C-alpha atoms as a PDB file:
ATOM      1  CA  UNK A   1     213.101 -31.273  72.062  1.00  0.00           C
ATOM      2  CA  UNK A   2     212.198 -29.789  75.472  1.00  0.00           C
ATOM      3  CA  UNK A   3     212.383 -31.657  78.783  1.00  0.00           C
ATOM      4  CA  UNK A   4     208.731 -32.724  78.810  1.00  0.00           C
ATOM      5  CA  UNK A   5     208.839 -34.020  75.224  1.00  0.00           C
ATOM      6  CA  UNK A   6     212.013 -35.911  76.062  1.00  0.00           C
ATOM      7  CA  UNK A   7     210.219 -37.454  79.045  1.00  0.00           C
ATOM      8  CA  UNK A   8     207.338 -38.624  76.832  1.00  0.00           C
ATOM      9  CA  UNK A   9     209.798 -40.367  74.516  1.00  0.00           C
ATOM     10  CA  UNK A  10     211.276 -42.221  77.488  1.00  0.00           C
ATOM     11  CA  UNK A  11     207.857 -42.942  78.966  1.00  0.00           C
ATOM     12  CA  UNK A  12     208.403 -40.853  82.075  1.00  0.00           C
ATOM     13  CA  UNK A  13     205.235 -39.332  83.549  1.00  0.00           C
ATOM     14  CA  UNK A  14     204.792 -35.725  84.528  1.00  0.00           C
ATOM     15  CA  UNK A  15     204.445 -36.927  88.108  1.00  0.00           C
ATOM     16  CA  UNK A  16     207.872 -38.522  87.947  1.00  0.00           C
ATOM     17  CA  UNK A  17     209.283 -35.275  86.644  1.00  0.00           C
ATOM     18  CA  UNK A  18     207.662 -33.430  89.512  1.00  0.00           C
ATOM     19  CA  UNK A  19     209.026 -35.891  92.033  1.00  0.00           C
ATOM     20  CA  UNK A  20     212.446 -35.445  90.507  1.00  0.00           C
ATOM     21  CA  UNK A  21     212.175 -31.731  91.113  1.00  0.00           C
ATOM     22  CA  UNK A  22     211.089 -32.279  94.711  1.00  0.00           C
ATOM     23  CA  UNK A  23     213.943 -34.705  95.306  1.00  0.00           C
ATOM     24  CA  UNK A  24     216.441 -32.229  93.910  1.00  0.00           C
ATOM     25  CA  UNK A  25     215.047 -29.512  96.149  1.00  0.00           C
ATOM     26  CA  UNK A  26     215.162 -31.687  99.267  1.00  0.00           C
ATOM     27  CA  UNK A  27     218.684 -32.904  98.574  1.00  0.00           C
ATOM     28  CA  UNK A  28     219.893 -29.318  98.380  1.00  0.00           C
ATOM     29  CA  UNK A  29     218.197 -28.110 101.565  1.00  0.00           C
ATOM     30  CA  UNK A  30     220.195 -25.359 103.243  1.00  0.00           C
ATOM     31  CA  UNK A  31     221.654 -26.226 106.654  1.00  0.00           C
ATOM     32  CA  UNK A  32     219.761 -24.480 109.451  1.00  0.00           C
ATOM     33  CA  UNK A  33     221.452 -22.924 112.456  1.00  0.00           C
ATOM     34  CA  UNK A  34     220.411 -20.986 115.564  1.00  0.00           C
ATOM     35  CA  UNK A  35     222.174 -18.990 118.255  1.00  0.00           C
ATOM     36  CA  UNK A  36     222.369 -20.289 121.815  1.00  0.00           C
ATOM     37  CA  UNK A  37     224.384 -18.259 124.285  1.00  0.00           C
ATOM     38  CA  UNK A  38     225.654 -19.318 127.702  1.00  0.00           C
ATOM     39  CA  UNK A  39     226.444 -17.888 131.134  1.00  0.00           C
ATOM     40  CA  UNK A  40     225.546 -14.151 131.071  1.00  0.00           C
ATOM     41  CA  UNK A  41     228.663 -13.119 133.004  1.00  0.00           C
ATOM     42  CA  UNK A  42     227.938  -9.425 132.523  1.00  0.00           C
ATOM     43  CA  UNK A  43     230.307  -8.109 135.217  1.00  0.00           C
ATOM     44  CA  UNK A  44     233.431  -8.804 133.134  1.00  0.00           C
ATOM     45  CA  UNK A  45     234.261  -5.448 131.558  1.00  0.00           C
ATOM     46  CA  UNK A  46     237.337  -5.567 129.326  1.00  0.00           C
ATOM     47  CA  UNK A  47     237.003  -2.818 126.673  1.00  0.00           C
ATOM     48  CA  UNK A  48     233.181  -2.896 126.902  1.00  0.00           C
ATOM     49  CA  UNK A  49     231.053  -2.807 130.036  1.00  0.00           C
ATOM     50  CA  UNK A  50     228.403  -5.437 130.606  1.00  0.00           C
ATOM     51  CA  UNK A  51     225.740  -2.967 129.521  1.00  0.00           C
ATOM     52  CA  UNK A  52     227.633  -2.164 126.329  1.00  0.00           C
ATOM     53  CA  UNK A  53     228.103  -5.847 125.518  1.00  0.00           C
ATOM     54  CA  UNK A  54     224.444  -6.462 126.211  1.00  0.00           C
ATOM     55  CA  UNK A  55     223.380  -3.662 123.883  1.00  0.00           C
ATOM     56  CA  UNK A  56     225.772  -4.727 121.111  1.00  0.00           C
ATOM     57  CA  UNK A  57     224.624  -8.360 121.122  1.00  0.00           C
ATOM     58  CA  UNK A  58     220.928  -7.508 121.287  1.00  0.00           C
ATOM     59  CA  UNK A  59     221.169  -4.918 118.519  1.00  0.00           C
ATOM     60  CA  UNK A  60     222.882  -7.442 116.243  1.00  0.00           C
ATOM     61  CA  UNK A  61     220.167 -10.028 116.885  1.00  0.00           C
ATOM     62  CA  UNK A  62     217.494  -7.422 116.232  1.00  0.00           C
ATOM     63  CA  UNK A  63     219.153  -6.338 112.977  1.00  0.00           C
ATOM     64  CA  UNK A  64     219.057  -9.938 111.729  1.00  0.00           C
ATOM     65  CA  UNK A  65     215.551 -10.556 113.104  1.00  0.00           C
ATOM     66  CA  UNK A  66     216.757 -13.523 115.131  1.00  0.00           C
ATOM     67  CA  UNK A  67     215.569 -14.880 118.465  1.00  0.00           C
ATOM     68  CA  UNK A  68     218.339 -16.544 120.438  1.00  0.00           C
ATOM     69  CA  UNK A  69     218.290 -18.740 123.528  1.00  0.00           C
ATOM     70  CA  UNK A  70     220.228 -17.365 126.511  1.00  0.00           C
ATOM     71  CA  UNK A  71     221.126 -19.934 129.191  1.00  0.00           C
ATOM     72  CA  UNK A  72     221.638 -17.919 132.341  1.00  0.00           C
ATOM     73  CA  UNK A  73     223.781 -18.687 135.384  1.00  0.00           C
ATOM     74  CA  UNK A  74     221.506 -17.655 138.236  1.00  0.00           C
ATOM     75  CA  UNK A  75     224.120 -15.920 140.366  1.00  0.00           C
ATOM     76  CA  UNK A  76     224.403 -13.269 137.645  1.00  0.00           C
ATOM     77  CA  UNK A  77     220.929 -12.069 138.668  1.00  0.00           C
ATOM     78  CA  UNK A  78     221.663 -11.344 142.307  1.00  0.00           C
ATOM     79  CA  UNK A  79     222.403  -7.688 141.534  1.00  0.00           C
ATOM     80  CA  UNK A  80     219.751  -5.317 140.197  1.00  0.00           C
ATOM     81  CA  UNK A  81     221.909  -4.476 137.184  1.00  0.00           C
ATOM     82  CA  UNK A  82     221.956  -8.122 136.165  1.00  0.00           C
ATOM     83  CA  UNK A  83     218.172  -8.286 136.353  1.00  0.00           C
ATOM     84  CA  UNK A  84     217.870  -5.088 134.303  1.00  0.00           C
ATOM     85  CA  UNK A  85     220.215  -6.389 131.605  1.00  0.00           C
ATOM     86  CA  UNK A  86     218.325  -9.669 131.376  1.00  0.00           C
ATOM     87  CA  UNK A  87     215.051  -7.740 131.194  1.00  0.00           C
ATOM     88  CA  UNK A  88     216.233  -6.359 127.861  1.00  0.00           C
ATOM     89  CA  UNK A  89     216.455  -9.936 126.528  1.00  0.00           C
ATOM     90  CA  UNK A  90     213.044 -10.653 127.989  1.00  0.00           C
ATOM     91  CA  UNK A  91     211.440  -7.628 126.329  1.00  0.00           C
ATOM     92  CA  UNK A  92     213.067  -8.497 123.001  1.00  0.00           C
ATOM     93  CA  UNK A  93     211.437 -11.944 123.065  1.00  0.00           C
ATOM     94  CA  UNK A  94     214.517 -14.154 123.363  1.00  0.00           C
ATOM     95  CA  UNK A  95     214.178 -17.531 125.053  1.00  0.00           C
ATOM     96  CA  UNK A  96     215.662 -17.569 128.555  1.00  0.00           C
ATOM     97  CA  UNK A  97     216.863 -20.902 129.930  1.00  0.00           C
ATOM     98  CA  UNK A  98     218.413 -22.346 133.100  1.00  0.00           C
ATOM     99  CA  UNK A  99     222.197 -22.894 133.311  1.00  0.00           C
ATOM    100  CA  UNK A 100     222.241 -23.608 137.090  1.00  0.00           C
ATOM    101  CA  UNK A 101     222.873 -21.059 139.794  1.00  0.00           C
ATOM    102  CA  UNK A 102     226.600 -21.514 140.332  1.00  0.00           C
ATOM    103  CA  UNK A 103     227.960 -23.118 137.121  1.00  0.00           C
ATOM    104  CA  UNK A 104     229.284 -26.281 138.770  1.00  0.00           C
ATOM    105  CA  UNK A 105     230.744 -29.221 136.896  1.00  0.00           C
ATOM    106  CA  UNK A 106     228.231 -32.064 137.263  1.00  0.00           C
ATOM    107  CA  UNK A 107     230.847 -34.603 136.156  1.00  0.00           C
ATOM    108  CA  UNK A 108     232.996 -33.818 139.191  1.00  0.00           C
ATOM    109  CA  UNK A 109     232.817 -36.522 141.903  1.00  0.00           C
ATOM    110  CA  UNK A 110     232.610 -33.676 144.430  1.00  0.00           C
ATOM    111  CA  UNK A 111     229.274 -32.524 142.948  1.00  0.00           C
ATOM    112  CA  UNK A 112     226.418 -34.589 144.373  1.00  0.00           C
ATOM    113  CA  UNK A 113     223.088 -35.132 142.660  1.00  0.00           C
ATOM    114  CA  UNK A 114     221.189 -33.510 145.558  1.00  0.00           C
ATOM    115  CA  UNK A 115     223.384 -30.404 145.540  1.00  0.00           C
ATOM    116  CA  UNK A 116     223.052 -30.050 141.777  1.00  0.00           C
ATOM    117  CA  UNK A 117     219.278 -30.357 141.901  1.00  0.00           C
ATOM    118  CA  UNK A 118     219.182 -27.625 144.556  1.00  0.00           C
ATOM    119  CA  UNK A 119     221.418 -25.464 142.352  1.00  0.00           C
ATOM    120  CA  UNK A 120     219.012 -25.798 139.413  1.00  0.00           C
ATOM    121  CA  UNK A 121     216.001 -24.892 141.565  1.00  0.00           C
ATOM    122  CA  UNK A 122     217.841 -21.900 143.007  1.00  0.00           C
ATOM    123  CA  UNK A 123     218.364 -20.572 139.467  1.00  0.00           C
ATOM    124  CA  UNK A 124     214.757 -21.418 138.577  1.00  0.00           C
ATOM    125  CA  UNK A 125     213.495 -19.229 141.420  1.00  0.00           C
ATOM    126  CA  UNK A 126     215.420 -16.237 140.041  1.00  0.00           C
ATOM    127  CA  UNK A 127     214.459 -16.835 136.410  1.00  0.00           C
ATOM    128  CA  UNK A 128     210.758 -17.614 136.661  1.00  0.00           C
ATOM    129  CA  UNK A 129     209.700 -13.962 136.942  1.00  0.00           C
ATOM    130  CA  UNK A 130     210.875 -13.313 133.363  1.00  0.00           C
ATOM    131  CA  UNK A 131     208.134 -13.789 130.776  1.00  0.00           C
ATOM    132  CA  UNK A 132     210.411 -15.454 128.230  1.00  0.00           C
ATOM    133  CA  UNK A 133     211.781 -17.962 130.725  1.00  0.00           C
ATOM    134  CA  UNK A 134     210.963 -21.470 129.596  1.00  0.00           C
ATOM    135  CA  UNK A 135     212.105 -24.637 131.248  1.00  0.00           C
ATOM    136  CA  UNK A 136     215.020 -25.507 129.014  1.00  0.00           C
ATOM    137  CA  UNK A 137     218.143 -26.656 130.816  1.00  0.00           C
ATOM    138  CA  UNK A 138     221.766 -26.712 129.690  1.00  0.00           C
ATOM    139  CA  UNK A 139     224.577 -28.293 131.691  1.00  0.00           C
ATOM    140  CA  UNK A 140     227.577 -26.061 132.382  1.00  0.00           C
ATOM    141  CA  UNK A 141     230.491 -27.274 130.258  1.00  0.00           C
ATOM    142  CA  UNK A 142     227.928 -29.642 128.657  1.00  0.00           C
ATOM    143  CA  UNK A 143     228.842 -32.332 131.197  1.00  0.00           C
ATOM    144  CA  UNK A 144     225.948 -34.591 132.209  1.00  0.00           C
ATOM    145  CA  UNK A 145     227.615 -36.764 134.810  1.00  0.00           C
ATOM    146  CA  UNK A 146     230.319 -39.381 135.237  1.00  0.00           C
ATOM    147  CA  UNK A 147     228.063 -42.150 136.549  1.00  0.00           C
ATOM    148  CA  UNK A 148     224.807 -43.801 135.517  1.00  0.00           C
ATOM    149  CA  UNK A 149     223.238 -42.920 138.874  1.00  0.00           C
ATOM    150  CA  UNK A 150     223.939 -39.193 138.530  1.00  0.00           C
ATOM    151  CA  UNK A 151     223.149 -39.030 134.817  1.00  0.00           C
ATOM    152  CA  UNK A 152     219.820 -40.837 135.084  1.00  0.00           C
ATOM    153  CA  UNK A 153     218.959 -39.299 138.424  1.00  0.00           C
ATOM    154  CA  UNK A 154     219.179 -35.783 137.053  1.00  0.00           C
ATOM    155  CA  UNK A 155     217.327 -36.733 133.876  1.00  0.00           C
ATOM    156  CA  UNK A 156     214.455 -37.958 136.061  1.00  0.00           C
ATOM    157  CA  UNK A 157     214.614 -34.780 138.164  1.00  0.00           C
ATOM    158  CA  UNK A 158     214.470 -32.537 135.086  1.00  0.00           C
ATOM    159  CA  UNK A 159     211.529 -34.491 133.690  1.00  0.00           C
ATOM    160  CA  UNK A 160     209.652 -34.190 137.012  1.00  0.00           C
ATOM    161  CA  UNK A 161     210.123 -30.417 136.860  1.00  0.00           C
ATOM    162  CA  UNK A 162     209.004 -30.174 133.208  1.00  0.00           C
ATOM    163  CA  UNK A 163     212.435 -29.260 131.869  1.00  0.00           C
ATOM    164  CA  UNK A 164     213.505 -29.928 128.288  1.00  0.00           C
ATOM    165  CA  UNK A 165     217.114 -30.208 127.209  1.00  0.00           C
ATOM    166  CA  UNK A 166     218.818 -27.237 125.593  1.00  0.00           C
ATOM    167  CA  UNK A 167     221.436 -29.362 123.865  1.00  0.00           C
ATOM    168  CA  UNK A 168     224.243 -27.988 121.725  1.00  0.00           C
ATOM    169  CA  UNK A 169     224.837 -29.542 118.305  1.00  0.00           C
ATOM    170  CA  UNK A 170     227.837 -27.398 117.246  1.00  0.00           C
ATOM    171  CA  UNK A 171     230.320 -27.226 120.090  1.00  0.00           C
ATOM    172  CA  UNK A 172     233.600 -25.333 119.748  1.00  0.00           C
ATOM    173  CA  UNK A 173     236.457 -23.640 121.582  1.00  0.00           C
ATOM    174  CA  UNK A 174     235.222 -20.085 121.122  1.00  0.00           C
ATOM    175  CA  UNK A 175     235.809 -19.484 124.830  1.00  0.00           C
ATOM    176  CA  UNK A 176     239.532 -20.021 124.338  1.00  0.00           C
ATOM    177  CA  UNK A 177     239.661 -17.400 121.556  1.00  0.00           C
ATOM    178  CA  UNK A 178     237.889 -15.039 123.962  1.00  0.00           C
ATOM    179  CA  UNK A 179     240.365 -15.840 126.732  1.00  0.00           C
ATOM    180  CA  UNK A 180     243.337 -15.112 124.495  1.00  0.00           C
ATOM    181  CA  UNK A 181     241.830 -11.883 123.154  1.00  0.00           C
ATOM    182  CA  UNK A 182     241.071 -10.639 126.662  1.00  0.00           C
ATOM    183  CA  UNK A 183     244.616 -11.429 127.813  1.00  0.00           C
ATOM    184  CA  UNK A 184     246.066  -9.432 124.920  1.00  0.00           C
ATOM    185  CA  UNK A 185     243.776  -6.469 125.572  1.00  0.00           C
ATOM    186  CA  UNK A 186     244.804  -6.407 129.226  1.00  0.00           C
ATOM    187  CA  UNK A 187     248.437  -6.292 128.126  1.00  0.00           C
ATOM    188  CA  UNK A 188     247.816  -3.745 125.406  1.00  0.00           C
ATOM    189  CA  UNK A 189     244.415  -2.045 125.071  1.00  0.00           C
ATOM    190  CA  UNK A 190     245.366  -1.024 121.512  1.00  0.00           C
ATOM    191  CA  UNK A 191     245.723  -4.644 120.334  1.00  0.00           C
ATOM    192  CA  UNK A 192     244.369  -5.157 116.814  1.00  0.00           C
ATOM    193  CA  UNK A 193     241.298  -7.370 117.216  1.00  0.00           C
ATOM    194  CA  UNK A 194     240.886  -8.258 113.531  1.00  0.00           C
ATOM    195  CA  UNK A 195     243.229 -11.296 113.606  1.00  0.00           C
ATOM    196  CA  UNK A 196     241.157 -12.692 116.494  1.00  0.00           C
ATOM    197  CA  UNK A 197     237.996 -12.090 114.508  1.00  0.00           C
ATOM    198  CA  UNK A 198     239.428 -13.917 111.513  1.00  0.00           C
ATOM    199  CA  UNK A 199     240.601 -16.847 113.635  1.00  0.00           C
ATOM    200  CA  UNK A 200     237.214 -17.000 115.376  1.00  0.00           C
ATOM    201  CA  UNK A 201     235.251 -17.134 112.142  1.00  0.00           C
ATOM    202  CA  UNK A 202     237.529 -19.762 110.610  1.00  0.00           C
ATOM    203  CA  UNK A 203     237.305 -21.892 113.761  1.00  0.00           C
ATOM    204  CA  UNK A 204     233.513 -21.682 113.927  1.00  0.00           C
ATOM    205  CA  UNK A 205     233.110 -22.560 110.261  1.00  0.00           C
ATOM    206  CA  UNK A 206     235.395 -25.572 110.683  1.00  0.00           C
ATOM    207  CA  UNK A 207     233.414 -26.802 113.693  1.00  0.00           C
ATOM    208  CA  UNK A 208     230.065 -26.232 111.970  1.00  0.00           C
ATOM    209  CA  UNK A 209     231.064 -28.317 108.967  1.00  0.00           C
ATOM    210  CA  UNK A 210     232.325 -31.121 111.198  1.00  0.00           C
ATOM    211  CA  UNK A 211     229.162 -31.376 113.284  1.00  0.00           C
ATOM    212  CA  UNK A 212     226.849 -30.932 110.315  1.00  0.00           C
ATOM    213  CA  UNK A 213     228.457 -33.883 108.548  1.00  0.00           C
ATOM    214  CA  UNK A 214     228.348 -35.917 111.760  1.00  0.00           C
ATOM    215  CA  UNK A 215     224.665 -35.068 112.258  1.00  0.00           C
ATOM    216  CA  UNK A 216     223.833 -36.333 108.782  1.00  0.00           C
ATOM    217  CA  UNK A 217     225.528 -39.654 109.595  1.00  0.00           C
ATOM    218  CA  UNK A 218     223.796 -40.011 112.971  1.00  0.00           C
ATOM    219  CA  UNK A 219     220.293 -38.819 112.103  1.00  0.00           C
ATOM    220  CA  UNK A 220     220.268 -39.661 108.403  1.00  0.00           C
ATOM    221  CA  UNK A 221     218.819 -36.227 107.727  1.00  0.00           C
ATOM    222  CA  UNK A 222     219.595 -32.550 108.190  1.00  0.00           C
ATOM    223  CA  UNK A 223     219.370 -31.438 111.822  1.00  0.00           C
ATOM    224  CA  UNK A 224     218.593 -27.828 112.820  1.00  0.00           C
ATOM    225  CA  UNK A 225     221.702 -26.748 114.661  1.00  0.00           C
ATOM    226  CA  UNK A 226     222.219 -24.970 117.941  1.00  0.00           C
ATOM    227  CA  UNK A 227     225.644 -23.352 117.940  1.00  0.00           C
ATOM    228  CA  UNK A 228     227.251 -22.591 121.293  1.00  0.00           C
ATOM    229  CA  UNK A 229     228.590 -19.110 121.950  1.00  0.00           C
ATOM    230  CA  UNK A 230     229.004 -17.100 125.149  1.00  0.00           C
ATOM    231  CA  UNK A 231     228.025 -13.700 126.488  1.00  0.00           C
ATOM    232  CA  UNK A 232     231.452 -12.184 126.078  1.00  0.00           C
ATOM    233  CA  UNK A 233     233.488  -9.466 124.391  1.00  0.00           C
ATOM    234  CA  UNK A 234     234.228 -11.645 121.360  1.00  0.00           C
ATOM    235  CA  UNK A 235     230.559 -11.822 120.451  1.00  0.00           C
ATOM    236  CA  UNK A 236     229.834  -8.236 121.365  1.00  0.00           C
ATOM    237  CA  UNK A 237     232.422  -7.329 118.736  1.00  0.00           C
ATOM    238  CA  UNK A 238     231.942 -10.049 116.119  1.00  0.00           C
ATOM    239  CA  UNK A 239     228.472 -11.615 116.367  1.00  0.00           C
ATOM    240  CA  UNK A 240     227.383  -9.758 113.238  1.00  0.00           C
ATOM    241  CA  UNK A 241     230.414 -11.129 111.385  1.00  0.00           C
ATOM    242  CA  UNK A 242     229.557 -14.644 112.543  1.00  0.00           C
ATOM    243  CA  UNK A 243     225.971 -14.356 111.336  1.00  0.00           C
ATOM    244  CA  UNK A 244     227.024 -12.836 108.023  1.00  0.00           C
ATOM    245  CA  UNK A 245     229.618 -15.555 107.473  1.00  0.00           C
ATOM    246  CA  UNK A 246     227.076 -18.364 107.755  1.00  0.00           C
ATOM    247  CA  UNK A 247     224.709 -16.479 105.474  1.00  0.00           C
ATOM    248  CA  UNK A 248     227.506 -16.179 102.897  1.00  0.00           C
ATOM    249  CA  UNK A 249     227.958 -19.982 103.122  1.00  0.00           C
ATOM    250  CA  UNK A 250     224.231 -20.398 102.336  1.00  0.00           C
ATOM    251  CA  UNK A 251     223.257 -21.533 105.827  1.00  0.00           C
ATOM    252  CA  UNK A 252     219.833 -20.450 107.046  1.00  0.00           C
ATOM    253  CA  UNK A 253     219.509 -18.779 110.433  1.00  0.00           C
ATOM    254  CA  UNK A 254     216.411 -19.756 112.418  1.00  0.00           C
ATOM    255  CA  UNK A 255     215.112 -18.951 115.901  1.00  0.00           C
ATOM    256  CA  UNK A 256     216.561 -21.077 118.697  1.00  0.00           C
ATOM    257  CA  UNK A 257     213.206 -22.298 119.968  1.00  0.00           C
ATOM    258  CA  UNK A 258     212.335 -23.588 116.504  1.00  0.00           C
ATOM    259  CA  UNK A 259     215.594 -25.557 116.383  1.00  0.00           C
ATOM    260  CA  UNK A 260     215.095 -26.966 119.888  1.00  0.00           C
ATOM    261  CA  UNK A 261     211.696 -28.373 118.867  1.00  0.00           C
ATOM    262  CA  UNK A 262     213.399 -30.972 116.655  1.00  0.00           C
ATOM    263  CA  UNK A 263     213.109 -34.588 117.923  1.00  0.00           C
ATOM    264  CA  UNK A 264     216.901 -34.939 118.145  1.00  0.00           C
ATOM    265  CA  UNK A 265     216.847 -32.713 121.257  1.00  0.00           C
ATOM    266  CA  UNK A 266     214.659 -35.207 123.142  1.00  0.00           C
ATOM    267  CA  UNK A 267     217.224 -38.014 122.822  1.00  0.00           C
ATOM    268  CA  UNK A 268     218.954 -39.429 125.910  1.00  0.00           C
ATOM    269  CA  UNK A 269     222.228 -40.977 124.777  1.00  0.00           C
ATOM    270  CA  UNK A 270     223.421 -43.949 126.804  1.00  0.00           C
ATOM    271  CA  UNK A 271     227.103 -43.065 127.166  1.00  0.00           C
ATOM    272  CA  UNK A 272     229.580 -42.301 129.944  1.00  0.00           C
ATOM    273  CA  UNK A 273     230.884 -39.811 130.706  1.00  0.00           C
ATOM    274  CA  UNK A 274     227.622 -38.268 129.571  1.00  0.00           C
ATOM    275  CA  UNK A 275     227.199 -34.992 127.737  1.00  0.00           C
ATOM    276  CA  UNK A 276     228.889 -32.759 125.170  1.00  0.00           C
ATOM    277  CA  UNK A 277     227.325 -32.084 121.759  1.00  0.00           C
ATOM    278  CA  UNK A 278     224.135 -34.137 121.347  1.00  0.00           C
ATOM    279  CA  UNK A 279     225.368 -35.074 117.861  1.00  0.00           C
ATOM    280  CA  UNK A 280     228.678 -36.297 119.270  1.00  0.00           C
ATOM    281  CA  UNK A 281     226.942 -38.206 122.082  1.00  0.00           C
ATOM    282  CA  UNK A 282     224.622 -39.990 119.647  1.00  0.00           C
ATOM    283  CA  UNK A 283     227.562 -40.817 117.385  1.00  0.00           C
ATOM    284  CA  UNK A 284     229.371 -42.410 120.330  1.00  0.00           C
ATOM    285  CA  UNK A 285     226.252 -44.307 121.331  1.00  0.00           C
ATOM    286  CA  UNK A 286     225.756 -45.881 117.891  1.00  0.00           C
ATOM    287  CA  UNK A 287     229.450 -46.560 117.280  1.00  0.00           C
ATOM    288  CA  UNK A 288     230.026 -43.958 114.568  1.00  0.00           C
ATOM    289  CA  UNK A 289     232.729 -42.582 116.865  1.00  0.00           C
ATOM    290  CA  UNK A 290     234.795 -44.834 119.170  1.00  0.00           C
ATOM    291  CA  UNK A 291     234.106 -44.326 122.867  1.00  0.00           C
ATOM    292  CA  UNK A 292     237.818 -43.667 123.373  1.00  0.00           C
ATOM    293  CA  UNK A 293     238.057 -40.830 120.838  1.00  0.00           C
ATOM    294  CA  UNK A 294     238.922 -37.421 122.292  1.00  0.00           C
ATOM    295  CA  UNK A 295     236.112 -34.898 122.213  1.00  0.00           C
ATOM    296  CA  UNK A 296     237.088 -32.010 119.867  1.00  0.00           C
ATOM    297  CA  UNK A 297     236.221 -29.327 122.437  1.00  0.00           C
ATOM    298  CA  UNK A 298     237.306 -31.316 125.474  1.00  0.00           C
ATOM    299  CA  UNK A 299     239.991 -28.934 126.651  1.00  0.00           C
ATOM    300  CA  UNK A 300     241.518 -25.623 125.739  1.00  0.00           C
ATOM    301  CA  UNK A 301     245.119 -26.759 125.480  1.00  0.00           C
ATOM    302  CA  UNK A 302     244.886 -28.025 121.908  1.00  0.00           C
ATOM    303  CA  UNK A 303     243.124 -24.895 120.701  1.00  0.00           C
ATOM    304  CA  UNK A 304     245.474 -22.653 122.657  1.00  0.00           C
ATOM    305  CA  UNK A 305     248.428 -24.264 120.886  1.00  0.00           C
ATOM    306  CA  UNK A 306     246.780 -23.509 117.517  1.00  0.00           C
ATOM    307  CA  UNK A 307     246.073 -19.921 118.549  1.00  0.00           C
ATOM    308  CA  UNK A 308     249.673 -19.389 119.620  1.00  0.00           C
ATOM    309  CA  UNK A 309     250.912 -20.971 116.395  1.00  0.00           C
ATOM    310  CA  UNK A 310     248.830 -18.410 114.523  1.00  0.00           C
ATOM    311  CA  UNK A 311     250.750 -15.688 116.360  1.00  0.00           C
ATOM    312  CA  UNK A 312     247.799 -14.543 118.476  1.00  0.00           C
END
């Protein structure tokens, strides 16, 4: 007896069978993920120059037919070389977003709302000549303010200037792996980079699983992810490995702008201090995570201890 005959015996309609198939398909939807890259500090030149890092990252994205979002610190465009390097991203069709001019910490009491607004507009003036610049904003260090007045004041300012939020869903301590690798290469240019690659990939996979599970709890559905990485040597060397790893885990890579169109990125969590992963912030807001719980990527000390324990 085939499946359809069996269904007739049980009185199940063909429509029900079809719905069963659809349900099975939906329940097994592949997680979606996109690349969002911060800072654009191209003048750091350990092992590879800024131009070499730029070329390596862009060629990897082109090979995988992916469009990333690059959130640029405006001061990196003061020199002609910075503008030329960013032009390559522009010509390749990657989204270019605003990451302030000077990369200040908005959660610092020393950073005023007025000064921060000026800093954003200063970066905007440098970025607006690039065709792929779109008004997406990302807070440096993902910190959105330590007070209601600053948090809500800047949200109103961004809305008045037609900015959307370039939130991160998958935060991580990739920057600490980069810091450690760079230190080792300064000490010994012949340092084997493979152990750092392996640690990096394992760390990113661990963080992705954590935030994907948290997103399902918060949103009650799959959320297209924006993973945070930086314009650095680590990704110039291993971005292809990172992309391939997620493909091997059956995750689907999508363009960053497609991910950022999801309704979750328009949320404004009511928490203090404000910021961090949008998934984490929403989980704190609805009580899934206690307000007192330490943010996984809050500081580098914990990750540094793990890196050292791994002998790196």
